[in-house]
Amino acid sequence: MSTTYVINPPEIPSLPVQGDTKRFAVNRIYCVGRNYADHAREMGHDPDREPPFFFMKPATAIVADGKSMAYPALSKDVHHEIEMVVALGKGGSNISADKALEHVWGYGVGLDMTRRDLQGEAKKMGRPWDTGKAFDQSAPCSALVPVSQCGHLAKGRIHLKVNGDVKQDGDLAMMIWNVSDTIAYLSTLFTLMPGDLIFSGTPAGVAAVSRGDVLEGHIDGLPTLKTTLV
């Protein structure tokens, strides 16, 4: 007997897959905080290696490549943060680091858009970051590339252009916690599931954007992500 609902269930958030008509269904979005030492320093923190911390965005925050992003309400200080996105095809808990990459389905390019003013207010008051991080359309993302096509990405240039000018520029090898370690640690906190995305942290150079700005995110070996703030 099929399930019926008192309201129509929403459409499942998903991302396109490079070279395929099938789409990747998105379950949850986990984001790693301060995973590049230079970004930790620019935010006023000690970059010495410590256990990673995470925050979340709803799957509905996804904005597909080429689509415009609405400048969010109640903020006058919205920042860009370019990140590699890790898409999980297998789930589990207490995953060992040497087995973690077996859980990765593919990779993409994402933007962790941040209402920095609201995040700052939350930090001062000891409150969660949801209003600064988990707002509508806060997670633009490129098409995903299966591991079978791109392999596992441990190094390579990651950079963001705003209106054609490079604003963030780094290398995946600069991550404090690599993909294997991140998955292993995250799986001790949550039971990971197929369809989960992990935004793996951003290099230095985060800065404010304005309506009309065109953002282009690049990672060697992955599709370019492009969005315009409106």
N, C-alpha and C. Protein backbone atom coordinates (compact mmCIF):
# COMPACT_ATOMS: atom_id res chain seq x y z
N MET A 1 0.85 -1.19 0.00
CA MET A 1 0.00 0.00 0.00
C MET A 1 0.89 1.24 0.00
N SER A 2 0.63 2.15 -0.93
CA SER A 2 1.47 3.34 -1.04
C SER A 2 1.14 4.33 0.07
N THR A 3 2.16 5.11 0.45
CA THR A 3 1.99 6.11 1.51
C THR A 3 1.30 7.35 0.94
N THR A 4 0.37 7.89 1.70
CA THR A 4 -0.26 9.15 1.33
C THR A 4 0.07 10.18 2.40
N TYR A 5 0.04 11.45 2.01
CA TYR A 5 0.45 12.55 2.89
C TYR A 5 -0.65 13.60 2.97
N VAL A 6 -0.69 14.31 4.09
CA VAL A 6 -1.69 15.36 4.24
C VAL A 6 -1.29 16.62 3.46
N ILE A 7 0.00 16.75 3.12
CA ILE A 7 0.45 17.80 2.20
C ILE A 7 1.32 17.14 1.14
N ASN A 8 1.48 17.79 0.01
CA ASN A 8 2.33 17.24 -1.03
C ASN A 8 3.79 17.31 -0.60
N PRO A 9 4.52 16.19 -0.62
CA PRO A 9 5.92 16.23 -0.22
C PRO A 9 6.74 17.08 -1.19
N PRO A 10 7.74 17.78 -0.69
CA PRO A 10 8.55 18.62 -1.56
C PRO A 10 9.42 17.77 -2.49
N GLU A 11 9.84 18.38 -3.57
CA GLU A 11 10.74 17.71 -4.50
C GLU A 11 12.08 17.43 -3.83
N ILE A 12 12.68 16.29 -4.14
CA ILE A 12 13.97 15.93 -3.56
C ILE A 12 15.06 16.82 -4.17
N PRO A 13 15.83 17.54 -3.34
CA PRO A 13 16.95 18.34 -3.89
C PRO A 13 17.95 17.43 -4.58
N SER A 14 18.50 17.89 -5.71
CA SER A 14 19.44 17.05 -6.45
C SER A 14 20.40 17.93 -7.24
N LEU A 15 21.48 17.29 -7.70
CA LEU A 15 22.47 17.96 -8.52
C LEU A 15 22.69 17.18 -9.80
N PRO A 16 23.02 17.88 -10.89
CA PRO A 16 23.33 17.17 -12.13
C PRO A 16 24.65 16.43 -12.01
N VAL A 17 24.80 15.41 -12.83
CA VAL A 17 26.03 14.63 -12.90
C VAL A 17 26.66 14.85 -14.27
N GLN A 18 27.93 15.18 -14.28
CA GLN A 18 28.60 15.45 -15.55
C GLN A 18 28.56 14.20 -16.44
N GLY A 19 28.05 14.39 -17.68
CA GLY A 19 28.03 13.31 -18.64
C GLY A 19 26.94 12.29 -18.43
N ASP A 20 25.93 12.59 -17.63
CA ASP A 20 24.87 11.62 -17.32
C ASP A 20 23.54 12.35 -17.23
N THR A 21 22.47 11.70 -17.64
CA THR A 21 21.14 12.30 -17.50
C THR A 21 20.56 12.06 -16.11
N LYS A 22 21.13 11.09 -15.38
CA LYS A 22 20.67 10.84 -14.02
C LYS A 22 21.21 11.92 -13.10
N ARG A 23 20.50 12.17 -12.00
CA ARG A 23 20.90 13.19 -11.05
C ARG A 23 21.28 12.56 -9.71
N PHE A 24 22.03 13.32 -8.92
CA PHE A 24 22.47 12.89 -7.60
C PHE A 24 21.53 13.48 -6.57
N ALA A 25 20.79 12.63 -5.87
CA ALA A 25 19.85 13.10 -4.84
C ALA A 25 20.63 13.53 -3.60
N VAL A 26 20.37 14.76 -3.14
CA VAL A 26 21.11 15.32 -1.99
C VAL A 26 20.32 15.07 -0.71
N ASN A 27 20.99 14.51 0.28
CA ASN A 27 20.36 14.23 1.56
C ASN A 27 20.64 15.33 2.57
N ARG A 28 21.88 15.44 3.04
CA ARG A 28 22.27 16.46 4.01
C ARG A 28 23.55 17.14 3.54
N ILE A 29 23.79 18.35 4.04
CA ILE A 29 25.01 19.08 3.72
C ILE A 29 25.76 19.36 5.01
N TYR A 30 26.95 18.77 5.14
CA TYR A 30 27.84 19.05 6.25
C TYR A 30 28.95 19.98 5.75
N CYS A 31 29.34 20.94 6.57
CA CYS A 31 30.41 21.87 6.21
C CYS A 31 31.50 21.82 7.28
N VAL A 32 32.75 21.76 6.84
CA VAL A 32 33.89 21.73 7.76
C VAL A 32 34.34 23.17 8.02
N GLY A 33 34.49 23.54 9.26
CA GLY A 33 34.91 24.90 9.60
C GLY A 33 36.43 25.04 9.67
N ARG A 34 36.95 26.12 9.12
CA ARG A 34 38.35 26.50 9.25
C ARG A 34 39.31 25.35 8.95
N ASN A 35 39.21 24.78 7.75
CA ASN A 35 40.03 23.63 7.37
C ASN A 35 41.27 24.00 6.56
N TYR A 36 41.52 25.31 6.39
CA TYR A 36 42.75 25.79 5.78
C TYR A 36 43.41 26.75 6.78
N ALA A 37 44.70 26.57 7.04
CA ALA A 37 45.38 27.35 8.08
C ALA A 37 45.32 28.84 7.78
N ASP A 38 45.51 29.23 6.50
CA ASP A 38 45.52 30.66 6.19
C ASP A 38 44.16 31.29 6.41
N HIS A 39 43.10 30.54 6.15
CA HIS A 39 41.75 31.06 6.41
C HIS A 39 41.51 31.16 7.92
N ALA A 40 41.98 30.17 8.69
CA ALA A 40 41.83 30.24 10.14
C ALA A 40 42.49 31.50 10.68
N ARG A 41 43.69 31.81 10.15
CA ARG A 41 44.40 33.01 10.62
C ARG A 41 43.63 34.28 10.26
N GLU A 42 43.10 34.34 9.02
CA GLU A 42 42.41 35.57 8.63
C GLU A 42 41.13 35.78 9.43
N MET A 43 40.60 34.68 10.02
CA MET A 43 39.42 34.79 10.85
C MET A 43 39.78 34.95 12.33
N GLY A 44 41.10 35.07 12.61
CA GLY A 44 41.55 35.34 13.97
C GLY A 44 41.67 34.13 14.86
N HIS A 45 41.95 32.94 14.25
CA HIS A 45 42.03 31.72 15.04
C HIS A 45 43.39 31.05 14.86
N ASP A 46 43.76 30.22 15.83
CA ASP A 46 45.00 29.46 15.80
C ASP A 46 44.83 28.27 14.85
N PRO A 47 45.67 28.15 13.82
CA PRO A 47 45.48 27.08 12.85
C PRO A 47 46.08 25.74 13.25
N ASP A 48 46.66 25.64 14.45
CA ASP A 48 47.21 24.35 14.88
C ASP A 48 46.14 23.27 14.75
N ARG A 49 46.57 22.11 14.32
CA ARG A 49 45.61 21.03 14.05
C ARG A 49 44.88 20.63 15.34
N GLU A 50 43.58 20.66 15.27
CA GLU A 50 42.71 20.27 16.37
C GLU A 50 41.54 19.52 15.77
N PRO A 51 40.74 18.82 16.58
CA PRO A 51 39.61 18.11 16.00
C PRO A 51 38.74 19.06 15.17
N PRO A 52 38.32 18.63 13.98
CA PRO A 52 37.51 19.52 13.14
C PRO A 52 36.14 19.76 13.76
N PHE A 53 35.51 20.85 13.35
CA PHE A 53 34.13 21.08 13.77
C PHE A 53 33.27 21.27 12.52
N PHE A 54 31.98 21.06 12.68
CA PHE A 54 31.07 21.03 11.54
C PHE A 54 29.82 21.85 11.83
N PHE A 55 29.24 22.36 10.77
CA PHE A 55 27.90 22.93 10.83
C PHE A 55 27.15 22.42 9.61
N MET A 56 25.86 22.68 9.54
CA MET A 56 25.05 22.10 8.48
C MET A 56 24.26 23.16 7.73
N LYS A 57 23.95 22.84 6.50
CA LYS A 57 23.01 23.59 5.69
C LYS A 57 21.92 22.63 5.23
N PRO A 58 20.70 23.12 5.00
CA PRO A 58 19.67 22.23 4.47
C PRO A 58 19.95 21.90 3.01
N ALA A 59 19.53 20.73 2.57
CA ALA A 59 19.71 20.34 1.18
C ALA A 59 19.02 21.33 0.23
N THR A 60 17.97 21.98 0.72
CA THR A 60 17.24 22.94 -0.11
C THR A 60 18.03 24.22 -0.36
N ALA A 61 19.21 24.37 0.30
CA ALA A 61 20.05 25.55 0.07
C ALA A 61 20.82 25.46 -1.25
N ILE A 62 20.78 24.30 -1.91
CA ILE A 62 21.51 24.10 -3.16
C ILE A 62 21.02 25.06 -4.24
N VAL A 63 21.99 25.65 -4.95
CA VAL A 63 21.72 26.44 -6.15
C VAL A 63 22.55 25.80 -7.27
N ALA A 64 21.90 25.36 -8.33
CA ALA A 64 22.60 24.67 -9.41
C ALA A 64 23.47 25.64 -10.20
N ASP A 65 24.54 25.11 -10.76
CA ASP A 65 25.45 25.90 -11.59
C ASP A 65 24.68 26.65 -12.67
N GLY A 66 25.04 27.92 -12.86
CA GLY A 66 24.41 28.74 -13.89
C GLY A 66 23.17 29.46 -13.43
N LYS A 67 22.62 29.07 -12.29
CA LYS A 67 21.45 29.74 -11.74
C LYS A 67 21.89 30.94 -10.90
N SER A 68 21.06 31.96 -10.86
CA SER A 68 21.37 33.11 -10.02
C SER A 68 21.02 32.82 -8.57
N MET A 69 21.68 33.55 -7.68
CA MET A 69 21.45 33.43 -6.24
C MET A 69 20.91 34.74 -5.72
N ALA A 70 19.82 34.69 -4.97
CA ALA A 70 19.24 35.91 -4.42
C ALA A 70 20.08 36.40 -3.24
N TYR A 71 20.39 37.68 -3.22
CA TYR A 71 21.10 38.25 -2.06
C TYR A 71 20.20 38.08 -0.84
N PRO A 72 20.72 37.46 0.24
CA PRO A 72 19.85 37.09 1.36
C PRO A 72 19.35 38.27 2.18
N ALA A 73 18.20 38.06 2.78
CA ALA A 73 17.57 39.09 3.60
C ALA A 73 18.32 39.30 4.91
N LEU A 74 18.14 40.47 5.50
CA LEU A 74 18.62 40.82 6.84
C LEU A 74 20.14 40.79 6.96
N SER A 75 20.84 40.99 5.86
CA SER A 75 22.30 41.02 5.92
C SER A 75 22.83 42.12 5.01
N LYS A 76 23.91 42.74 5.46
CA LYS A 76 24.62 43.72 4.64
C LYS A 76 26.09 43.33 4.45
N ASP A 77 26.41 42.06 4.79
CA ASP A 77 27.80 41.61 4.73
C ASP A 77 27.83 40.13 4.38
N VAL A 78 27.58 39.82 3.11
CA VAL A 78 27.54 38.44 2.63
C VAL A 78 28.89 38.09 2.01
N HIS A 79 29.48 36.98 2.46
CA HIS A 79 30.82 36.58 2.01
C HIS A 79 30.77 35.31 1.17
N HIS A 80 31.74 35.20 0.28
CA HIS A 80 31.95 33.98 -0.51
C HIS A 80 32.98 33.09 0.16
N GLU A 81 32.80 31.77 0.04
CA GLU A 81 33.78 30.79 0.51
C GLU A 81 33.78 29.62 -0.47
N ILE A 82 34.83 29.52 -1.30
CA ILE A 82 34.93 28.47 -2.30
C ILE A 82 35.39 27.17 -1.63
N GLU A 83 34.78 26.04 -2.00
CA GLU A 83 35.09 24.78 -1.34
C GLU A 83 34.96 23.60 -2.32
N MET A 84 35.75 22.55 -2.07
CA MET A 84 35.51 21.29 -2.76
C MET A 84 34.38 20.56 -2.07
N VAL A 85 33.48 20.00 -2.87
CA VAL A 85 32.33 19.27 -2.34
C VAL A 85 32.58 17.77 -2.52
N VAL A 86 32.41 17.03 -1.44
CA VAL A 86 32.56 15.58 -1.45
C VAL A 86 31.17 14.96 -1.38
N ALA A 87 30.81 14.16 -2.38
CA ALA A 87 29.48 13.54 -2.43
C ALA A 87 29.60 12.07 -2.05
N LEU A 88 28.85 11.65 -1.04
CA LEU A 88 28.94 10.28 -0.54
C LEU A 88 27.95 9.36 -1.25
N GLY A 89 28.46 8.19 -1.63
CA GLY A 89 27.61 7.17 -2.24
C GLY A 89 27.31 6.02 -1.31
N LYS A 90 28.06 5.94 -0.21
CA LYS A 90 27.84 4.93 0.82
C LYS A 90 27.83 5.61 2.18
N GLY A 91 27.08 5.05 3.11
CA GLY A 91 27.01 5.61 4.45
C GLY A 91 27.70 4.74 5.46
N GLY A 92 27.53 5.11 6.72
CA GLY A 92 28.10 4.31 7.80
C GLY A 92 28.50 5.17 8.98
N SER A 93 28.86 4.52 10.06
CA SER A 93 29.36 5.20 11.25
C SER A 93 30.68 4.59 11.65
N ASN A 94 31.50 5.38 12.34
CA ASN A 94 32.82 4.92 12.78
C ASN A 94 33.63 4.33 11.62
N ILE A 95 33.65 5.06 10.53
CA ILE A 95 34.39 4.65 9.33
C ILE A 95 35.87 4.90 9.56
N SER A 96 36.70 3.94 9.26
CA SER A 96 38.14 4.12 9.41
C SER A 96 38.68 4.99 8.29
N ALA A 97 39.74 5.75 8.58
CA ALA A 97 40.30 6.66 7.58
C ALA A 97 40.79 5.91 6.35
N ASP A 98 41.30 4.68 6.54
CA ASP A 98 41.83 3.94 5.40
C ASP A 98 40.73 3.37 4.51
N LYS A 99 39.49 3.39 4.98
CA LYS A 99 38.35 2.92 4.19
C LYS A 99 37.44 4.06 3.75
N ALA A 100 37.74 5.28 4.20
CA ALA A 100 36.81 6.39 4.00
C ALA A 100 36.57 6.72 2.53
N LEU A 101 37.61 6.69 1.71
CA LEU A 101 37.44 7.07 0.31
C LEU A 101 36.54 6.10 -0.45
N GLU A 102 36.35 4.90 0.08
CA GLU A 102 35.43 3.95 -0.55
C GLU A 102 33.99 4.44 -0.48
N HIS A 103 33.72 5.40 0.40
CA HIS A 103 32.37 5.93 0.57
C HIS A 103 32.09 7.12 -0.34
N VAL A 104 33.10 7.62 -1.03
CA VAL A 104 32.95 8.81 -1.88
C VAL A 104 32.44 8.41 -3.25
N TRP A 105 31.34 9.03 -3.67
CA TRP A 105 30.79 8.79 -5.00
C TRP A 105 31.43 9.72 -6.02
N GLY A 106 31.66 10.98 -5.62
CA GLY A 106 32.22 11.93 -6.57
C GLY A 106 32.52 13.26 -5.91
N TYR A 107 32.89 14.24 -6.75
CA TYR A 107 33.32 15.54 -6.26
C TYR A 107 32.70 16.67 -7.08
N GLY A 108 32.62 17.84 -6.47
CA GLY A 108 32.12 19.02 -7.16
C GLY A 108 32.73 20.28 -6.56
N VAL A 109 32.28 21.41 -7.06
CA VAL A 109 32.74 22.72 -6.59
C VAL A 109 31.55 23.42 -5.94
N GLY A 110 31.75 23.94 -4.74
CA GLY A 110 30.65 24.59 -4.04
C GLY A 110 31.04 25.92 -3.45
N LEU A 111 30.04 26.70 -3.09
CA LEU A 111 30.23 27.96 -2.39
C LEU A 111 29.45 27.90 -1.07
N ASP A 112 30.16 28.08 0.03
CA ASP A 112 29.53 28.22 1.34
C ASP A 112 29.29 29.72 1.54
N MET A 113 28.15 30.20 1.08
CA MET A 113 27.83 31.62 1.22
C MET A 113 27.44 31.90 2.67
N THR A 114 27.89 33.04 3.18
CA THR A 114 27.80 33.30 4.62
C THR A 114 27.31 34.72 4.89
N ARG A 115 26.28 34.85 5.70
CA ARG A 115 25.89 36.17 6.21
C ARG A 115 26.81 36.47 7.39
N ARG A 116 27.96 37.10 7.07
CA ARG A 116 29.02 37.25 8.06
C ARG A 116 28.57 38.11 9.24
N ASP A 117 27.75 39.11 8.99
CA ASP A 117 27.29 39.95 10.10
C ASP A 117 26.42 39.17 11.07
N LEU A 118 25.52 38.33 10.53
CA LEU A 118 24.67 37.54 11.41
C LEU A 118 25.46 36.43 12.11
N GLN A 119 26.45 35.87 11.40
CA GLN A 119 27.31 34.88 12.04
C GLN A 119 28.10 35.51 13.19
N GLY A 120 28.61 36.73 12.96
CA GLY A 120 29.36 37.41 13.99
C GLY A 120 28.53 37.70 15.23
N GLU A 121 27.28 38.11 15.02
CA GLU A 121 26.39 38.36 16.15
C GLU A 121 26.15 37.08 16.93
N ALA A 122 25.95 35.96 16.21
CA ALA A 122 25.71 34.68 16.88
C ALA A 122 26.92 34.25 17.69
N LYS A 123 28.12 34.46 17.15
CA LYS A 123 29.34 34.10 17.88
C LYS A 123 29.44 34.88 19.19
N LYS A 124 29.20 36.19 19.12
CA LYS A 124 29.32 37.02 20.32
C LYS A 124 28.35 36.59 21.41
N MET A 125 27.18 36.10 20.99
CA MET A 125 26.16 35.72 21.96
C MET A 125 26.19 34.24 22.31
N GLY A 126 27.17 33.50 21.74
CA GLY A 126 27.26 32.07 22.03
C GLY A 126 26.11 31.27 21.46
N ARG A 127 25.58 31.72 20.33
CA ARG A 127 24.43 31.05 19.72
C ARG A 127 24.85 30.27 18.48
N PRO A 128 24.00 29.36 18.00
CA PRO A 128 24.32 28.61 16.79
C PRO A 128 24.48 29.53 15.58
N TRP A 129 25.12 29.01 14.55
CA TRP A 129 25.42 29.79 13.35
C TRP A 129 24.34 29.70 12.27
N ASP A 130 23.23 29.06 12.54
CA ASP A 130 22.27 28.76 11.48
C ASP A 130 21.86 29.99 10.66
N THR A 131 21.62 31.11 11.32
CA THR A 131 21.17 32.29 10.58
C THR A 131 22.26 32.83 9.67
N GLY A 132 23.53 32.58 10.02
CA GLY A 132 24.63 33.06 9.19
C GLY A 132 25.01 32.11 8.09
N LYS A 133 24.68 30.82 8.24
CA LYS A 133 25.17 29.80 7.31
C LYS A 133 24.07 29.04 6.56
N ALA A 134 22.93 28.81 7.18
CA ALA A 134 21.96 27.85 6.65
C ALA A 134 20.76 28.51 5.99
N PHE A 135 20.98 29.69 5.40
CA PHE A 135 19.86 30.41 4.79
C PHE A 135 19.55 29.89 3.39
N ASP A 136 18.45 30.36 2.83
CA ASP A 136 18.03 29.94 1.48
C ASP A 136 19.12 30.28 0.45
N GLN A 137 19.37 29.34 -0.46
CA GLN A 137 20.29 29.54 -1.58
C GLN A 137 21.72 29.83 -1.11
N SER A 138 22.11 29.26 0.02
CA SER A 138 23.44 29.52 0.56
C SER A 138 24.48 28.51 0.09
N ALA A 139 24.10 27.57 -0.80
CA ALA A 139 25.03 26.52 -1.20
C ALA A 139 25.02 26.30 -2.72
N PRO A 140 25.46 27.29 -3.50
CA PRO A 140 25.63 27.04 -4.94
C PRO A 140 26.60 25.88 -5.16
N CYS A 141 26.32 25.04 -6.16
CA CYS A 141 27.15 23.86 -6.38
C CYS A 141 27.17 23.50 -7.86
N SER A 142 28.33 23.06 -8.32
CA SER A 142 28.49 22.63 -9.71
C SER A 142 27.88 21.25 -9.91
N ALA A 143 27.90 20.81 -11.16
CA ALA A 143 27.61 19.41 -11.44
C ALA A 143 28.66 18.55 -10.74
N LEU A 144 28.27 17.33 -10.38
CA LEU A 144 29.19 16.41 -9.73
C LEU A 144 29.89 15.52 -10.76
N VAL A 145 31.11 15.13 -10.43
CA VAL A 145 31.89 14.24 -11.29
C VAL A 145 32.14 12.94 -10.53
N PRO A 146 31.78 11.78 -11.09
CA PRO A 146 32.03 10.52 -10.40
C PRO A 146 33.53 10.27 -10.21
N VAL A 147 33.86 9.58 -9.13
CA VAL A 147 35.26 9.22 -8.87
C VAL A 147 35.85 8.45 -10.05
N SER A 148 35.03 7.66 -10.73
CA SER A 148 35.52 6.88 -11.86
C SER A 148 36.06 7.76 -12.97
N GLN A 149 35.64 9.04 -13.00
CA GLN A 149 36.10 9.96 -14.03
C GLN A 149 37.22 10.88 -13.54
N CYS A 150 37.15 11.32 -12.30
CA CYS A 150 38.11 12.33 -11.82
C CYS A 150 39.11 11.79 -10.83
N GLY A 151 38.88 10.58 -10.31
CA GLY A 151 39.75 10.06 -9.27
C GLY A 151 39.52 10.80 -7.96
N HIS A 152 40.35 10.49 -6.96
CA HIS A 152 40.25 11.18 -5.68
C HIS A 152 41.19 12.38 -5.69
N LEU A 153 40.66 13.53 -5.30
CA LEU A 153 41.38 14.79 -5.40
C LEU A 153 42.02 15.15 -4.07
N ALA A 154 43.35 15.02 -4.00
CA ALA A 154 44.08 15.36 -2.79
C ALA A 154 44.90 16.63 -2.96
N LYS A 155 45.10 17.05 -4.19
CA LYS A 155 45.85 18.28 -4.48
C LYS A 155 45.31 18.87 -5.77
N GLY A 156 45.63 20.14 -6.00
CA GLY A 156 45.14 20.85 -7.18
C GLY A 156 44.65 22.23 -6.80
N ARG A 157 44.75 23.13 -7.75
CA ARG A 157 44.39 24.52 -7.47
C ARG A 157 42.90 24.66 -7.21
N ILE A 158 42.56 25.46 -6.21
CA ILE A 158 41.18 25.84 -5.90
C ILE A 158 41.16 27.36 -5.84
N HIS A 159 40.30 28.00 -6.66
CA HIS A 159 40.27 29.46 -6.64
C HIS A 159 38.90 29.98 -7.05
N LEU A 160 38.65 31.21 -6.65
CA LEU A 160 37.37 31.87 -6.93
C LEU A 160 37.63 33.23 -7.57
N LYS A 161 36.89 33.49 -8.65
CA LYS A 161 36.92 34.79 -9.29
C LYS A 161 35.61 35.52 -9.01
N VAL A 162 35.71 36.80 -8.72
CA VAL A 162 34.53 37.67 -8.59
C VAL A 162 34.66 38.74 -9.66
N ASN A 163 33.72 38.75 -10.57
CA ASN A 163 33.76 39.68 -11.71
C ASN A 163 35.09 39.60 -12.46
N GLY A 164 35.61 38.38 -12.58
CA GLY A 164 36.83 38.14 -13.34
C GLY A 164 38.12 38.28 -12.57
N ASP A 165 38.07 38.79 -11.35
CA ASP A 165 39.28 38.97 -10.54
C ASP A 165 39.40 37.85 -9.51
N VAL A 166 40.60 37.25 -9.41
CA VAL A 166 40.82 36.17 -8.45
C VAL A 166 40.82 36.73 -7.02
N LYS A 167 39.93 36.19 -6.19
CA LYS A 167 39.81 36.64 -4.81
C LYS A 167 40.28 35.60 -3.80
N GLN A 168 40.11 34.33 -4.11
CA GLN A 168 40.61 33.25 -3.27
C GLN A 168 41.46 32.34 -4.14
N ASP A 169 42.58 31.88 -3.61
CA ASP A 169 43.49 31.07 -4.41
C ASP A 169 44.29 30.17 -3.48
N GLY A 170 44.17 28.87 -3.65
CA GLY A 170 44.88 27.94 -2.79
C GLY A 170 45.06 26.60 -3.47
N ASP A 171 45.36 25.58 -2.69
CA ASP A 171 45.54 24.23 -3.21
C ASP A 171 44.87 23.25 -2.24
N LEU A 172 44.25 22.22 -2.79
CA LEU A 172 43.58 21.24 -1.95
C LEU A 172 44.54 20.59 -0.96
N ALA A 173 45.82 20.52 -1.32
CA ALA A 173 46.82 19.93 -0.43
C ALA A 173 47.00 20.74 0.85
N MET A 174 46.48 21.97 0.88
CA MET A 174 46.62 22.83 2.05
C MET A 174 45.58 22.54 3.14
N MET A 175 44.64 21.63 2.86
CA MET A 175 43.63 21.32 3.87
C MET A 175 44.29 20.73 5.12
N ILE A 176 43.85 21.18 6.28
CA ILE A 176 44.37 20.66 7.55
C ILE A 176 43.91 19.21 7.73
N TRP A 177 42.63 18.97 7.49
CA TRP A 177 42.05 17.63 7.54
C TRP A 177 41.71 17.21 6.12
N ASN A 178 42.36 16.14 5.61
CA ASN A 178 42.07 15.69 4.25
C ASN A 178 40.71 14.99 4.21
N VAL A 179 40.30 14.58 3.04
CA VAL A 179 38.96 14.01 2.87
C VAL A 179 38.79 12.75 3.70
N SER A 180 39.79 11.87 3.70
CA SER A 180 39.68 10.62 4.46
C SER A 180 39.49 10.89 5.95
N ASP A 181 40.33 11.76 6.49
CA ASP A 181 40.24 12.07 7.93
C ASP A 181 38.93 12.76 8.27
N THR A 182 38.47 13.63 7.38
CA THR A 182 37.21 14.34 7.63
C THR A 182 36.04 13.38 7.69
N ILE A 183 35.96 12.47 6.71
CA ILE A 183 34.87 11.49 6.70
C ILE A 183 34.94 10.62 7.95
N ALA A 184 36.15 10.16 8.30
CA ALA A 184 36.30 9.29 9.46
C ALA A 184 35.83 9.98 10.73
N TYR A 185 36.25 11.23 10.93
CA TYR A 185 35.86 11.95 12.14
C TYR A 185 34.36 12.25 12.15
N LEU A 186 33.84 12.72 11.00
CA LEU A 186 32.42 13.06 10.92
C LEU A 186 31.55 11.83 11.22
N SER A 187 32.02 10.66 10.81
CA SER A 187 31.23 9.44 11.01
C SER A 187 31.21 8.98 12.45
N THR A 188 32.04 9.58 13.31
CA THR A 188 31.93 9.30 14.74
C THR A 188 30.85 10.14 15.40
N LEU A 189 30.46 11.22 14.72
CA LEU A 189 29.44 12.13 15.25
C LEU A 189 28.05 11.83 14.71
N PHE A 190 27.99 11.39 13.45
CA PHE A 190 26.72 11.11 12.78
C PHE A 190 26.85 9.81 11.99
N THR A 191 25.74 9.13 11.80
CA THR A 191 25.71 8.02 10.86
C THR A 191 25.54 8.61 9.47
N LEU A 192 26.59 8.55 8.67
CA LEU A 192 26.55 9.15 7.34
C LEU A 192 25.67 8.32 6.42
N MET A 193 25.11 8.98 5.40
CA MET A 193 24.16 8.34 4.51
C MET A 193 24.49 8.65 3.06
N PRO A 194 24.12 7.74 2.14
CA PRO A 194 24.27 8.06 0.72
C PRO A 194 23.50 9.34 0.39
N GLY A 195 24.11 10.19 -0.40
CA GLY A 195 23.47 11.47 -0.73
C GLY A 195 23.95 12.62 0.11
N ASP A 196 24.69 12.34 1.19
CA ASP A 196 25.25 13.42 2.00
C ASP A 196 26.37 14.12 1.23
N LEU A 197 26.44 15.44 1.38
CA LEU A 197 27.52 16.23 0.82
C LEU A 197 28.38 16.77 1.96
N ILE A 198 29.68 16.86 1.73
CA ILE A 198 30.60 17.49 2.68
C ILE A 198 31.30 18.63 1.98
N PHE A 199 31.06 19.86 2.44
CA PHE A 199 31.81 21.03 1.97
C PHE A 199 33.09 21.08 2.80
N SER A 200 34.25 20.96 2.15
CA SER A 200 35.48 20.58 2.85
C SER A 200 36.35 21.74 3.32
N GLY A 201 35.82 22.96 3.37
CA GLY A 201 36.58 24.09 3.89
C GLY A 201 37.09 25.00 2.78
N THR A 202 37.48 26.22 3.17
CA THR A 202 37.84 27.25 2.19
C THR A 202 39.21 27.84 2.47
N PRO A 203 39.96 28.18 1.40
CA PRO A 203 41.24 28.88 1.60
C PRO A 203 41.02 30.35 1.95
N ALA A 204 42.10 31.06 2.21
CA ALA A 204 42.01 32.47 2.59
C ALA A 204 41.47 33.32 1.45
N GLY A 205 41.05 34.53 1.80
CA GLY A 205 40.58 35.49 0.81
C GLY A 205 39.09 35.72 0.81
N VAL A 206 38.36 35.17 1.80
CA VAL A 206 36.92 35.38 1.86
C VAL A 206 36.64 36.88 1.98
N ALA A 207 35.58 37.33 1.31
CA ALA A 207 35.29 38.76 1.29
C ALA A 207 33.83 38.98 0.92
N ALA A 208 33.39 40.20 1.09
CA ALA A 208 31.99 40.54 0.84
C ALA A 208 31.70 40.62 -0.66
N VAL A 209 30.46 40.31 -1.00
CA VAL A 209 29.97 40.42 -2.37
C VAL A 209 28.73 41.30 -2.38
N SER A 210 28.38 41.76 -3.59
CA SER A 210 27.24 42.66 -3.75
C SER A 210 26.33 42.16 -4.86
N ARG A 211 25.13 42.70 -4.89
CA ARG A 211 24.21 42.37 -5.97
C ARG A 211 24.85 42.71 -7.32
N GLY A 212 24.69 41.82 -8.27
CA GLY A 212 25.27 42.00 -9.59
C GLY A 212 26.62 41.34 -9.77
N ASP A 213 27.26 40.92 -8.67
CA ASP A 213 28.57 40.25 -8.78
C ASP A 213 28.41 38.87 -9.41
N VAL A 214 29.38 38.52 -10.25
CA VAL A 214 29.43 37.20 -10.88
C VAL A 214 30.55 36.41 -10.22
N LEU A 215 30.21 35.25 -9.66
CA LEU A 215 31.16 34.40 -8.95
C LEU A 215 31.45 33.16 -9.79
N GLU A 216 32.74 32.86 -9.98
CA GLU A 216 33.15 31.68 -10.73
C GLU A 216 34.13 30.87 -9.89
N GLY A 217 33.74 29.67 -9.52
CA GLY A 217 34.58 28.81 -8.71
C GLY A 217 35.25 27.74 -9.54
N HIS A 218 36.54 27.52 -9.29
CA HIS A 218 37.33 26.57 -10.09
C HIS A 218 38.14 25.65 -9.17
N ILE A 219 38.14 24.36 -9.50
CA ILE A 219 39.05 23.38 -8.89
C ILE A 219 39.58 22.52 -10.03
N ASP A 220 40.88 22.33 -10.07
CA ASP A 220 41.48 21.54 -11.14
C ASP A 220 40.79 20.18 -11.25
N GLY A 221 40.35 19.85 -12.47
CA GLY A 221 39.75 18.56 -12.74
C GLY A 221 38.26 18.49 -12.54
N LEU A 222 37.62 19.60 -12.14
CA LEU A 222 36.18 19.61 -11.90
C LEU A 222 35.51 20.72 -12.71
N PRO A 223 34.19 20.63 -12.91
CA PRO A 223 33.49 21.67 -13.68
C PRO A 223 33.53 23.02 -12.96
N THR A 224 33.54 24.08 -13.73
CA THR A 224 33.46 25.43 -13.16
C THR A 224 32.06 25.68 -12.61
N LEU A 225 32.00 26.34 -11.47
CA LEU A 225 30.74 26.77 -10.89
C LEU A 225 30.57 28.26 -11.14
N LYS A 226 29.42 28.65 -11.65
CA LYS A 226 29.17 30.06 -11.91
C LYS A 226 27.79 30.44 -11.40
N THR A 227 27.74 31.55 -10.65
CA THR A 227 26.46 32.09 -10.19
C THR A 227 26.56 33.61 -10.12
N THR A 228 25.40 34.26 -10.22
CA THR A 228 25.31 35.70 -10.14
C THR A 228 24.39 36.10 -9.02
N LEU A 229 24.82 37.05 -8.18
CA LEU A 229 23.95 37.54 -7.12
C LEU A 229 22.96 38.54 -7.68
N VAL A 230 21.71 38.39 -7.31
CA VAL A 230 20.67 39.30 -7.80
C VAL A 230 19.86 39.84 -6.63
